[in-house]
Amino acid sequence: MGNTLGLAPMGTLLRRSPRREEPLPNPGSFDELHRLCKDVFPAQMEGVKLVVNKVLSSHFQVAHTVHMSALGLPGYHLHAAYAGDWQLSPTEVFPTVVGDMDSSGSLNAQVLLLLAERLRAKAVFQTQQAKFLTWQFDGEYRGDDYTATLTLGNPDLIGESVIMVAHFLQSLTQRLVLGGELVYHRRPGEEGAILTLAGKYSAVHWVATLNVGSGGAHASYYHRANEQVQVGVEFEANTRLQDTTFSFGYHLTLPQANMVFRGLVDSNWCVGAVLEKKMPPLPVTLALGAFLNHWRNRFHCGFSITVG
């Protein structure tokens, strides 16, 4: 009578459609492995600082900074930035040119270019008045699930000196990234290389990162407790200096009060905190910070006003 119940054959029931695996993500840059943890810690503040930001157009903006401190002479910085039309992400726009010059004529400049869809280039220049201190060239290739970077620092063909840094990161799973760094330096009478291995594991609410090499170790742990609270733990060991540092930082956001509080405690008996307060509807941000080193009996504080 045939298949009167309209049932499919047993072989059809056992046959399943193949499961589609999600492509592995790009691991990002090697320099950003510990970025989430470092953003939790407060930035050092000392003296009084006034920052005025001005957007001149959709591509060009400038900033004026005046800093007065008891540790040195008052200083002025002019910061200018140009951003092009090619935007790959909310934080990546190409080409980008950034420059910062102080009252003595010293210049820090960066140029970011997108040579191809996956190939990026960066040039960094630093001068002290009329003398070049640093010139650095980077090339970065971002594949579907890996990133390769090559950096040349202060290349000097006449003096036969150069610093070369190679980075490579590979996504093994959706959460695990492994890679390494090779630093090679050469100058007359001296030559050497340092190899560092790196690993990063990203969960839903936390990220653990570890760098281990002949020069030391650097480990960090970042945890987001909720939308308002973030904490970070950092461990650094330097075999050459025979120094070890352990730091704990926390980040507290109070959206209803438009306030952000950051604090830190480390193994060098240092305690510090920075409180930021936005003043809507005015485009003004106030920041107050204080840092105390119990071991060296040093205390410094700072206050800043940012307009724009």
C-alpha atoms as a PDB file:
ATOM      1  CA  MET A   1       0.000   0.000   0.000  1.00  0.00           C
ATOM      2  CA  GLY A   2       3.090   2.261   0.097  1.00  0.00           C
ATOM      3  CA  ASN A   3       3.881   4.825   2.736  1.00  0.00           C
ATOM      4  CA  THR A   4       0.337   5.564   3.836  1.00  0.00           C
ATOM      5  CA  LEU A   5       1.370   7.475   6.985  1.00  0.00           C
ATOM      6  CA  GLY A   6       3.503   9.905   5.010  1.00  0.00           C
ATOM      7  CA  LEU A   7       6.645   8.986   6.986  1.00  0.00           C
ATOM      8  CA  ALA A   8      10.077   9.583   5.485  1.00  0.00           C
ATOM      9  CA  PRO A   9      12.450   6.630   5.053  1.00  0.00           C
ATOM     10  CA  MET A  10      14.746   5.820   7.972  1.00  0.00           C
ATOM     11  CA  GLY A  11      17.852   6.785   5.991  1.00  0.00           C
ATOM     12  CA  THR A  12      16.478  10.269   5.464  1.00  0.00           C
ATOM     13  CA  LEU A  13      15.837  10.712   9.212  1.00  0.00           C
ATOM     14  CA  LEU A  14      19.390   9.704  10.087  1.00  0.00           C
ATOM     15  CA  ARG A  15      20.884  12.049   7.539  1.00  0.00           C
ATOM     16  CA  ARG A  16      21.709  15.472   9.085  1.00  0.00           C
ATOM     17  CA  SER A  17      22.674  18.686   7.400  1.00  0.00           C
ATOM     18  CA  PRO A  18      26.340  19.602   7.882  1.00  0.00           C
ATOM     19  CA  ARG A  19      26.985  22.083  10.693  1.00  0.00           C
ATOM     20  CA  ARG A  20      28.336  25.392   9.566  1.00  0.00           C
ATOM     21  CA  GLU A  21      31.336  26.499  11.594  1.00  0.00           C
ATOM     22  CA  GLU A  22      31.705  30.188  12.262  1.00  0.00           C
ATOM     23  CA  PRO A  23      34.833  31.721  10.745  1.00  0.00           C
ATOM     24  CA  LEU A  24      37.573  32.572  13.208  1.00  0.00           C
ATOM     25  CA  PRO A  25      37.897  36.286  14.016  1.00  0.00           C
ATOM     26  CA  ASN A  26      40.948  38.406  13.368  1.00  0.00           C
ATOM     27  CA  PRO A  27      43.055  38.592  16.584  1.00  0.00           C
ATOM     28  CA  GLY A  28      43.891  42.289  16.162  1.00  0.00           C
ATOM     29  CA  SER A  29      47.272  43.880  16.786  1.00  0.00           C
ATOM     30  CA  PHE A  30      49.940  42.528  19.132  1.00  0.00           C
ATOM     31  CA  ASP A  31      50.172  45.894  20.915  1.00  0.00           C
ATOM     32  CA  GLU A  32      46.482  45.667  21.899  1.00  0.00           C
ATOM     33  CA  LEU A  33      46.677  42.346  23.760  1.00  0.00           C
ATOM     34  CA  HIS A  34      46.594  44.019  27.199  1.00  0.00           C
ATOM     35  CA  ARG A  35      44.551  47.072  26.166  1.00  0.00           C
ATOM     36  CA  LEU A  36      41.331  46.193  28.028  1.00  0.00           C
ATOM     37  CA  CYS A  37      43.192  45.750  31.316  1.00  0.00           C
ATOM     38  CA  LYS A  38      45.320  48.885  30.891  1.00  0.00           C
ATOM     39  CA  ASP A  39      42.257  51.044  30.186  1.00  0.00           C
ATOM     40  CA  VAL A  40      40.988  50.249  33.684  1.00  0.00           C
ATOM     41  CA  PHE A  41      43.960  51.922  35.398  1.00  0.00           C
ATOM     42  CA  PRO A  42      44.037  55.705  35.919  1.00  0.00           C
ATOM     43  CA  ALA A  43      46.504  57.867  34.031  1.00  0.00           C
ATOM     44  CA  GLN A  44      49.123  59.749  36.029  1.00  0.00           C
ATOM     45  CA  MET A  45      48.197  63.374  36.786  1.00  0.00           C
ATOM     46  CA  GLU A  46      50.355  66.174  38.179  1.00  0.00           C
ATOM     47  CA  GLY A  47      49.833  69.921  38.178  1.00  0.00           C
ATOM     48  CA  VAL A  48      47.105  71.843  36.370  1.00  0.00           C
ATOM     49  CA  LYS A  49      46.143  71.197  32.753  1.00  0.00           C
ATOM     50  CA  LEU A  50      43.750  72.968  30.394  1.00  0.00           C
ATOM     51  CA  VAL A  51      42.761  71.275  27.128  1.00  0.00           C
ATOM     52  CA  VAL A  52      40.649  73.004  24.472  1.00  0.00           C
ATOM     53  CA  ASN A  53      39.460  70.827  21.558  1.00  0.00           C
ATOM     54  CA  LYS A  54      38.124  72.386  18.377  1.00  0.00           C
ATOM     55  CA  VAL A  55      36.597  70.510  15.435  1.00  0.00           C
ATOM     56  CA  LEU A  56      37.219  72.539  12.296  1.00  0.00           C
ATOM     57  CA  SER A  57      35.573  70.136   9.848  1.00  0.00           C
ATOM     58  CA  SER A  58      34.594  66.500   9.449  1.00  0.00           C
ATOM     59  CA  HIS A  59      38.234  65.706   8.644  1.00  0.00           C
ATOM     60  CA  PHE A  60      40.318  68.151  10.674  1.00  0.00           C
ATOM     61  CA  GLN A  61      40.506  69.012  14.366  1.00  0.00           C
ATOM     62  CA  VAL A  62      42.976  70.764  16.658  1.00  0.00           C
ATOM     63  CA  ALA A  63      43.612  70.866  20.401  1.00  0.00           C
ATOM     64  CA  HIS A  64      45.454  73.359  22.598  1.00  0.00           C
ATOM     65  CA  THR A  65      46.975  72.161  25.876  1.00  0.00           C
ATOM     66  CA  VAL A  66      48.483  74.307  28.628  1.00  0.00           C
ATOM     67  CA  HIS A  67      50.179  72.466  31.496  1.00  0.00           C
ATOM     68  CA  MET A  68      51.576  74.007  34.679  1.00  0.00           C
ATOM     69  CA  SER A  69      53.499  71.864  37.154  1.00  0.00           C
ATOM     70  CA  ALA A  70      55.720  72.303  40.193  1.00  0.00           C
ATOM     71  CA  LEU A  71      58.172  69.758  38.721  1.00  0.00           C
ATOM     72  CA  GLY A  72      59.020  71.781  35.639  1.00  0.00           C
ATOM     73  CA  LEU A  73      58.417  74.853  33.517  1.00  0.00           C
ATOM     74  CA  PRO A  74      54.932  75.577  32.124  1.00  0.00           C
ATOM     75  CA  GLY A  75      54.369  74.051  28.717  1.00  0.00           C
ATOM     76  CA  TYR A  76      52.112  74.446  25.698  1.00  0.00           C
ATOM     77  CA  HIS A  77      51.198  71.754  23.151  1.00  0.00           C
ATOM     78  CA  LEU A  78      49.459  72.133  19.800  1.00  0.00           C
ATOM     79  CA  HIS A  79      47.778  68.930  18.628  1.00  0.00           C
ATOM     80  CA  ALA A  80      46.401  68.560  15.103  1.00  0.00           C
ATOM     81  CA  ALA A  81      44.728  65.558  13.480  1.00  0.00           C
ATOM     82  CA  TYR A  82      43.460  64.828   9.982  1.00  0.00           C
ATOM     83  CA  ALA A  83      41.172  61.883   9.210  1.00  0.00           C
ATOM     84  CA  GLY A  84      40.325  60.732   5.693  1.00  0.00           C
ATOM     85  CA  ASP A  85      37.175  59.271   4.160  1.00  0.00           C
ATOM     86  CA  TRP A  86      37.906  55.533   4.415  1.00  0.00           C
ATOM     87  CA  GLN A  87      36.422  54.280   7.704  1.00  0.00           C
ATOM     88  CA  LEU A  88      36.876  50.572   8.454  1.00  0.00           C
ATOM     89  CA  SER A  89      35.532  50.699  12.023  1.00  0.00           C
ATOM     90  CA  PRO A  90      34.412  53.320  14.558  1.00  0.00           C
ATOM     91  CA  THR A  91      38.038  53.743  15.659  1.00  0.00           C
ATOM     92  CA  GLU A  92      39.861  53.235  12.337  1.00  0.00           C
ATOM     93  CA  VAL A  93      39.880  55.893   9.630  1.00  0.00           C
ATOM     94  CA  PHE A  94      42.385  56.094   6.770  1.00  0.00           C
ATOM     95  CA  PRO A  95      44.432  58.012   5.953  1.00  0.00           C
ATOM     96  CA  THR A  96      45.178  59.590   9.349  1.00  0.00           C
ATOM     97  CA  VAL A  97      47.835  62.187  10.138  1.00  0.00           C
ATOM     98  CA  VAL A  98      48.451  63.191  13.776  1.00  0.00           C
ATOM     99  CA  GLY A  99      50.940  65.753  15.012  1.00  0.00           C
ATOM    100  CA  ASP A 100      51.836  67.236  18.399  1.00  0.00           C
ATOM    101  CA  MET A 101      54.267  70.135  18.870  1.00  0.00           C
ATOM    102  CA  ASP A 102      55.281  71.789  22.133  1.00  0.00           C
ATOM    103  CA  SER A 103      56.501  75.307  22.882  1.00  0.00           C
ATOM    104  CA  SER A 104      60.170  74.307  22.388  1.00  0.00           C
ATOM    105  CA  GLY A 105      59.574  73.104  18.826  1.00  0.00           C
ATOM    106  CA  SER A 106      59.748  69.360  19.515  1.00  0.00           C
ATOM    107  CA  LEU A 107      57.421  67.332  17.295  1.00  0.00           C
ATOM    108  CA  ASN A 108      55.704  63.944  17.548  1.00  0.00           C
ATOM    109  CA  ALA A 109      53.966  62.840  14.349  1.00  0.00           C
ATOM    110  CA  GLN A 110      52.211  59.725  13.057  1.00  0.00           C
ATOM    111  CA  VAL A 111      50.944  58.832   9.594  1.00  0.00           C
ATOM    112  CA  LEU A 112      48.537  55.891   9.091  1.00  0.00           C
ATOM    113  CA  LEU A 113      47.858  54.587   5.583  1.00  0.00           C
ATOM    114  CA  LEU A 114      45.736  51.780   4.144  1.00  0.00           C
ATOM    115  CA  LEU A 115      47.784  50.451   1.234  1.00  0.00           C
ATOM    116  CA  ALA A 116      45.350  47.631   0.408  1.00  0.00           C
ATOM    117  CA  GLU A 117      42.243  46.061   1.909  1.00  0.00           C
ATOM    118  CA  ARG A 118      44.342  44.031   4.369  1.00  0.00           C
ATOM    119  CA  LEU A 119      47.655  45.901   4.355  1.00  0.00           C
ATOM    120  CA  ARG A 120      48.309  48.889   6.631  1.00  0.00           C
ATOM    121  CA  ALA A 121      51.355  51.093   7.057  1.00  0.00           C
ATOM    122  CA  LYS A 122      52.397  53.504   9.804  1.00  0.00           C
ATOM    123  CA  ALA A 123      55.247  55.978  10.101  1.00  0.00           C
ATOM    124  CA  VAL A 124      56.265  57.597  13.409  1.00  0.00           C
ATOM    125  CA  PHE A 125      58.646  60.539  13.764  1.00  0.00           C
ATOM    126  CA  GLN A 126      59.904  62.233  16.929  1.00  0.00           C
ATOM    127  CA  THR A 127      62.165  65.263  17.086  1.00  0.00           C
ATOM    128  CA  GLN A 128      63.713  67.305  19.871  1.00  0.00           C
ATOM    129  CA  GLN A 129      63.815  70.828  18.473  1.00  0.00           C
ATOM    130  CA  ALA A 130      65.863  70.427  15.258  1.00  0.00           C
ATOM    131  CA  LYS A 131      67.258  66.946  16.049  1.00  0.00           C
ATOM    132  CA  PHE A 132      65.630  63.665  15.011  1.00  0.00           C
ATOM    133  CA  LEU A 133      65.281  61.221  17.892  1.00  0.00           C
ATOM    134  CA  THR A 134      63.092  58.441  16.510  1.00  0.00           C
ATOM    135  CA  TRP A 135      61.839  57.336  13.132  1.00  0.00           C
ATOM    136  CA  GLN A 136      59.849  54.140  12.865  1.00  0.00           C
ATOM    137  CA  PHE A 137      58.069  52.339  10.032  1.00  0.00           C
ATOM    138  CA  ASP A 138      55.414  49.648  10.484  1.00  0.00           C
ATOM    139  CA  GLY A 139      53.731  47.285   8.052  1.00  0.00           C
ATOM    140  CA  GLU A 140      50.757  45.183   9.166  1.00  0.00           C
ATOM    141  CA  TYR A 141      48.842  42.513   7.248  1.00  0.00           C
ATOM    142  CA  ARG A 142      45.495  41.347   8.651  1.00  0.00           C
ATOM    143  CA  GLY A 143      44.203  38.032   7.362  1.00  0.00           C
ATOM    144  CA  ASP A 144      40.880  36.417   8.161  1.00  0.00           C
ATOM    145  CA  ASP A 145      42.174  34.811  11.383  1.00  0.00           C
ATOM    146  CA  TYR A 146      45.751  36.080  11.778  1.00  0.00           C
ATOM    147  CA  THR A 147      47.811  39.289  11.932  1.00  0.00           C
ATOM    148  CA  ALA A 148      51.450  39.727  10.895  1.00  0.00           C
ATOM    149  CA  THR A 149      53.423  42.907  11.636  1.00  0.00           C
ATOM    150  CA  LEU A 150      56.965  44.052  10.856  1.00  0.00           C
ATOM    151  CA  THR A 151      58.502  47.170  12.447  1.00  0.00           C
ATOM    152  CA  LEU A 152      61.780  48.935  11.664  1.00  0.00           C
ATOM    153  CA  GLY A 153      63.035  51.382  14.284  1.00  0.00           C
ATOM    154  CA  ASN A 154      65.760  53.981  13.711  1.00  0.00           C
ATOM    155  CA  PRO A 155      67.246  52.291  10.612  1.00  0.00           C
ATOM    156  CA  ASP A 156      70.717  53.673   9.886  1.00  0.00           C
ATOM    157  CA  LEU A 157      72.502  52.180   6.865  1.00  0.00           C
ATOM    158  CA  ILE A 158      75.654  54.255   7.373  1.00  0.00           C
ATOM    159  CA  GLY A 159      76.000  53.453  11.069  1.00  0.00           C
ATOM    160  CA  GLU A 160      74.865  49.844  10.495  1.00  0.00           C
ATOM    161  CA  SER A 161      72.281  49.957  13.276  1.00  0.00           C
ATOM    162  CA  VAL A 162      68.629  48.955  13.302  1.00  0.00           C
ATOM    163  CA  ILE A 163      65.875  47.646  15.562  1.00  0.00           C
ATOM    164  CA  MET A 164      63.522  45.160  13.949  1.00  0.00           C
ATOM    165  CA  VAL A 165      60.380  43.777  15.599  1.00  0.00           C
ATOM    166  CA  ALA A 166      58.194  41.031  14.125  1.00  0.00           C
ATOM    167  CA  HIS A 167      54.754  40.119  15.511  1.00  0.00           C
ATOM    168  CA  PHE A 168      52.410  37.284  14.628  1.00  0.00           C
ATOM    169  CA  LEU A 169      49.018  36.376  16.120  1.00  0.00           C
ATOM    170  CA  GLN A 170      46.793  33.445  15.153  1.00  0.00           C
ATOM    171  CA  SER A 171      43.216  32.725  16.269  1.00  0.00           C
ATOM    172  CA  LEU A 172      42.979  29.018  17.105  1.00  0.00           C
ATOM    173  CA  THR A 173      39.374  29.122  18.327  1.00  0.00           C
ATOM    174  CA  GLN A 174      36.715  31.768  18.793  1.00  0.00           C
ATOM    175  CA  ARG A 175      38.264  32.620  22.179  1.00  0.00           C
ATOM    176  CA  LEU A 176      41.912  31.532  22.071  1.00  0.00           C
ATOM    177  CA  VAL A 177      44.703  33.503  20.388  1.00  0.00           C
ATOM    178  CA  LEU A 178      48.370  32.487  20.307  1.00  0.00           C
ATOM    179  CA  GLY A 179      51.371  34.243  18.828  1.00  0.00           C
ATOM    180  CA  GLY A 180      54.805  35.642  19.427  1.00  0.00           C
ATOM    181  CA  GLU A 181      57.188  38.580  19.169  1.00  0.00           C
ATOM    182  CA  LEU A 182      60.781  38.641  17.944  1.00  0.00           C
ATOM    183  CA  VAL A 183      62.910  41.719  18.699  1.00  0.00           C
ATOM    184  CA  TYR A 184      66.260  42.014  16.897  1.00  0.00           C
ATOM    185  CA  HIS A 185      68.686  44.876  17.438  1.00  0.00           C
ATOM    186  CA  ARG A 186      72.044  45.559  15.842  1.00  0.00           C
ATOM    187  CA  ARG A 187      74.632  48.279  16.247  1.00  0.00           C
ATOM    188  CA  PRO A 188      78.435  48.382  15.991  1.00  0.00           C
ATOM    189  CA  GLY A 189      79.852  45.918  18.511  1.00  0.00           C
ATOM    190  CA  GLU A 190      76.469  44.641  19.710  1.00  0.00           C
ATOM    191  CA  GLU A 191      73.808  42.333  18.327  1.00  0.00           C
ATOM    192  CA  GLY A 192      71.020  40.344  19.938  1.00  0.00           C
ATOM    193  CA  ALA A 193      67.470  39.021  19.744  1.00  0.00           C
ATOM    194  CA  ILE A 194      64.660  38.422  22.239  1.00  0.00           C
ATOM    195  CA  LEU A 195      61.770  36.009  21.644  1.00  0.00           C
ATOM    196  CA  THR A 196      58.462  36.366  23.475  1.00  0.00           C
ATOM    197  CA  LEU A 197      55.458  34.042  23.298  1.00  0.00           C
ATOM    198  CA  ALA A 198      51.933  35.373  23.828  1.00  0.00           C
ATOM    199  CA  GLY A 199      48.498  33.943  24.506  1.00  0.00           C
ATOM    200  CA  LYS A 200      45.070  35.466  25.054  1.00  0.00           C
ATOM    201  CA  TYR A 201      41.799  33.863  26.126  1.00  0.00           C
ATOM    202  CA  SER A 202      38.581  35.866  25.867  1.00  0.00           C
ATOM    203  CA  ALA A 203      35.427  34.796  27.688  1.00  0.00           C
ATOM    204  CA  VAL A 204      32.080  36.581  27.853  1.00  0.00           C
ATOM    205  CA  HIS A 205      32.927  38.762  30.851  1.00  0.00           C
ATOM    206  CA  TRP A 206      36.699  38.379  31.262  1.00  0.00           C
ATOM    207  CA  VAL A 207      39.964  38.314  29.307  1.00  0.00           C
ATOM    208  CA  ALA A 208      43.257  36.710  30.370  1.00  0.00           C
ATOM    209  CA  THR A 209      46.531  37.508  28.580  1.00  0.00           C
ATOM    210  CA  LEU A 210      50.090  36.242  29.082  1.00  0.00           C
ATOM    211  CA  ASN A 211      53.439  37.192  27.519  1.00  0.00           C
ATOM    212  CA  VAL A 212      56.486  35.081  28.442  1.00  0.00           C
ATOM    213  CA  GLY A 213      60.008  35.434  27.096  1.00  0.00           C
ATOM    214  CA  SER A 214      63.678  35.612  27.984  1.00  0.00           C
ATOM    215  CA  GLY A 215      63.250  39.263  28.952  1.00  0.00           C
ATOM    216  CA  GLY A 216      60.531  38.568  31.506  1.00  0.00           C
ATOM    217  CA  ALA A 217      56.786  38.017  31.769  1.00  0.00           C
ATOM    218  CA  HIS A 218      53.663  40.154  31.536  1.00  0.00           C
ATOM    219  CA  ALA A 219      50.264  38.807  32.614  1.00  0.00           C
ATOM    220  CA  SER A 220      46.943  40.631  32.861  1.00  0.00           C
ATOM    221  CA  TYR A 221      43.380  39.750  33.790  1.00  0.00           C
ATOM    222  CA  TYR A 222      40.368  41.906  32.935  1.00  0.00           C
ATOM    223  CA  HIS A 223      36.880  41.320  34.321  1.00  0.00           C
ATOM    224  CA  ARG A 224      33.662  43.214  33.662  1.00  0.00           C
ATOM    225  CA  ALA A 225      31.394  42.642  36.651  1.00  0.00           C
ATOM    226  CA  ASN A 226      28.505  44.660  35.201  1.00  0.00           C
ATOM    227  CA  GLU A 227      27.859  47.781  33.144  1.00  0.00           C
ATOM    228  CA  GLN A 228      29.281  50.005  35.892  1.00  0.00           C
ATOM    229  CA  VAL A 229      32.187  48.035  37.420  1.00  0.00           C
ATOM    230  CA  GLN A 230      35.372  46.798  35.730  1.00  0.00           C
ATOM    231  CA  VAL A 231      38.517  45.478  37.393  1.00  0.00           C
ATOM    232  CA  GLY A 232      41.981  44.617  36.153  1.00  0.00           C
ATOM    233  CA  VAL A 233      44.992  42.798  37.574  1.00  0.00           C
ATOM    234  CA  GLU A 234      48.454  43.121  36.066  1.00  0.00           C
ATOM    235  CA  PHE A 235      51.738  41.331  36.779  1.00  0.00           C
ATOM    236  CA  GLU A 236      55.077  42.334  35.244  1.00  0.00           C
ATOM    237  CA  ALA A 237      58.501  40.754  35.779  1.00  0.00           C
ATOM    238  CA  ASN A 238      61.739  42.028  34.225  1.00  0.00           C
ATOM    239  CA  THR A 239      64.653  39.599  34.336  1.00  0.00           C
ATOM    240  CA  ARG A 240      67.248  42.212  33.330  1.00  0.00           C
ATOM    241  CA  LEU A 241      66.290  44.691  36.050  1.00  0.00           C
ATOM    242  CA  GLN A 242      65.380  41.957  38.555  1.00  0.00           C
ATOM    243  CA  ASP A 243      62.114  43.775  39.231  1.00  0.00           C
ATOM    244  CA  THR A 244      58.579  42.470  39.740  1.00  0.00           C
ATOM    245  CA  THR A 245      55.400  44.541  39.983  1.00  0.00           C
ATOM    246  CA  PHE A 246      51.837  43.557  40.816  1.00  0.00           C
ATOM    247  CA  SER A 247      48.988  46.040  40.229  1.00  0.00           C
ATOM    248  CA  PHE A 248      45.238  46.072  40.856  1.00  0.00           C
ATOM    249  CA  GLY A 249      42.967  48.604  39.187  1.00  0.00           C
ATOM    250  CA  TYR A 250      39.251  49.287  39.128  1.00  0.00           C
ATOM    251  CA  HIS A 251      36.922  51.361  36.970  1.00  0.00           C
ATOM    252  CA  LEU A 252      33.570  52.593  38.249  1.00  0.00           C
ATOM    253  CA  THR A 253      31.033  54.349  36.018  1.00  0.00           C
ATOM    254  CA  LEU A 254      28.139  56.359  37.443  1.00  0.00           C
ATOM    255  CA  PRO A 255      26.034  57.252  34.389  1.00  0.00           C
ATOM    256  CA  GLN A 256      23.351  59.149  36.296  1.00  0.00           C
ATOM    257  CA  ALA A 257      25.984  61.429  37.817  1.00  0.00           C
ATOM    258  CA  ASN A 258      28.096  61.591  34.600  1.00  0.00           C
ATOM    259  CA  MET A 259      31.115  60.477  36.614  1.00  0.00           C
ATOM    260  CA  VAL A 260      33.921  57.953  36.066  1.00  0.00           C
ATOM    261  CA  PHE A 261      36.207  56.837  38.899  1.00  0.00           C
ATOM    262  CA  ARG A 262      39.472  54.932  38.387  1.00  0.00           C
ATOM    263  CA  GLY A 263      41.813  53.659  41.097  1.00  0.00           C
ATOM    264  CA  LEU A 264      44.932  51.547  41.522  1.00  0.00           C
ATOM    265  CA  VAL A 265      47.029  49.812  44.169  1.00  0.00           C
ATOM    266  CA  ASP A 266      50.359  48.151  43.369  1.00  0.00           C
ATOM    267  CA  SER A 267      53.149  46.230  45.083  1.00  0.00           C
ATOM    268  CA  ASN A 268      55.412  49.315  45.187  1.00  0.00           C
ATOM    269  CA  TRP A 269      53.166  50.785  47.884  1.00  0.00           C
ATOM    270  CA  CYS A 270      51.554  53.180  45.417  1.00  0.00           C
ATOM    271  CA  VAL A 271      47.915  54.224  45.671  1.00  0.00           C
ATOM    272  CA  GLY A 272      46.223  56.456  43.122  1.00  0.00           C
ATOM    273  CA  ALA A 273      42.808  57.550  41.907  1.00  0.00           C
ATOM    274  CA  VAL A 274      41.302  59.820  39.238  1.00  0.00           C
ATOM    275  CA  LEU A 275      37.749  61.172  39.230  1.00  0.00           C
ATOM    276  CA  GLU A 276      36.248  62.499  35.978  1.00  0.00           C
ATOM    277  CA  LYS A 277      33.052  64.535  35.892  1.00  0.00           C
ATOM    278  CA  LYS A 278      31.204  65.721  32.781  1.00  0.00           C
ATOM    279  CA  MET A 279      29.200  68.929  32.994  1.00  0.00           C
ATOM    280  CA  PRO A 280      26.299  68.668  30.523  1.00  0.00           C
ATOM    281  CA  PRO A 281      24.962  70.542  28.668  1.00  0.00           C
ATOM    282  CA  LEU A 282      28.354  72.278  28.613  1.00  0.00           C
ATOM    283  CA  PRO A 283      31.096  70.460  26.643  1.00  0.00           C
ATOM    284  CA  VAL A 284      33.340  70.456  29.724  1.00  0.00           C
ATOM    285  CA  THR A 285      35.003  67.571  31.578  1.00  0.00           C
ATOM    286  CA  LEU A 286      36.685  68.026  34.950  1.00  0.00           C
ATOM    287  CA  ALA A 287      39.271  65.577  36.303  1.00  0.00           C
ATOM    288  CA  LEU A 288      40.937  65.404  39.709  1.00  0.00           C
ATOM    289  CA  GLY A 289      43.679  62.901  40.520  1.00  0.00           C
ATOM    290  CA  ALA A 290      45.985  62.064  43.430  1.00  0.00           C
ATOM    291  CA  PHE A 291      48.828  59.542  43.723  1.00  0.00           C
ATOM    292  CA  LEU A 292      50.829  58.558  46.813  1.00  0.00           C
ATOM    293  CA  ASN A 293      53.971  56.419  46.974  1.00  0.00           C
ATOM    294  CA  HIS A 294      54.335  55.245  50.571  1.00  0.00           C
ATOM    295  CA  TRP A 295      57.725  53.626  49.984  1.00  0.00           C
ATOM    296  CA  ARG A 296      59.403  56.791  48.633  1.00  0.00           C
ATOM    297  CA  ASN A 297      57.155  59.182  50.571  1.00  0.00           C
ATOM    298  CA  ARG A 298      56.113  61.031  47.424  1.00  0.00           C
ATOM    299  CA  PHE A 299      52.733  62.605  46.786  1.00  0.00           C
ATOM    300  CA  HIS A 300      51.444  64.466  43.768  1.00  0.00           C
ATOM    301  CA  CYS A 301      48.021  65.525  42.582  1.00  0.00           C
ATOM    302  CA  GLY A 302      46.567  67.031  39.454  1.00  0.00           C
ATOM    303  CA  PHE A 303      43.551  68.857  38.103  1.00  0.00           C
ATOM    304  CA  SER A 304      42.479  69.179  34.469  1.00  0.00           C
ATOM    305  CA  ILE A 305      39.741  70.907  32.499  1.00  0.00           C
ATOM    306  CA  THR A 306      38.847  69.654  29.031  1.00  0.00           C
ATOM    307  CA  VAL A 307      36.659  71.809  26.777  1.00  0.00           C
ATOM    308  CA  GLY A 308      35.173  70.302  23.642  1.00  0.00           C
END
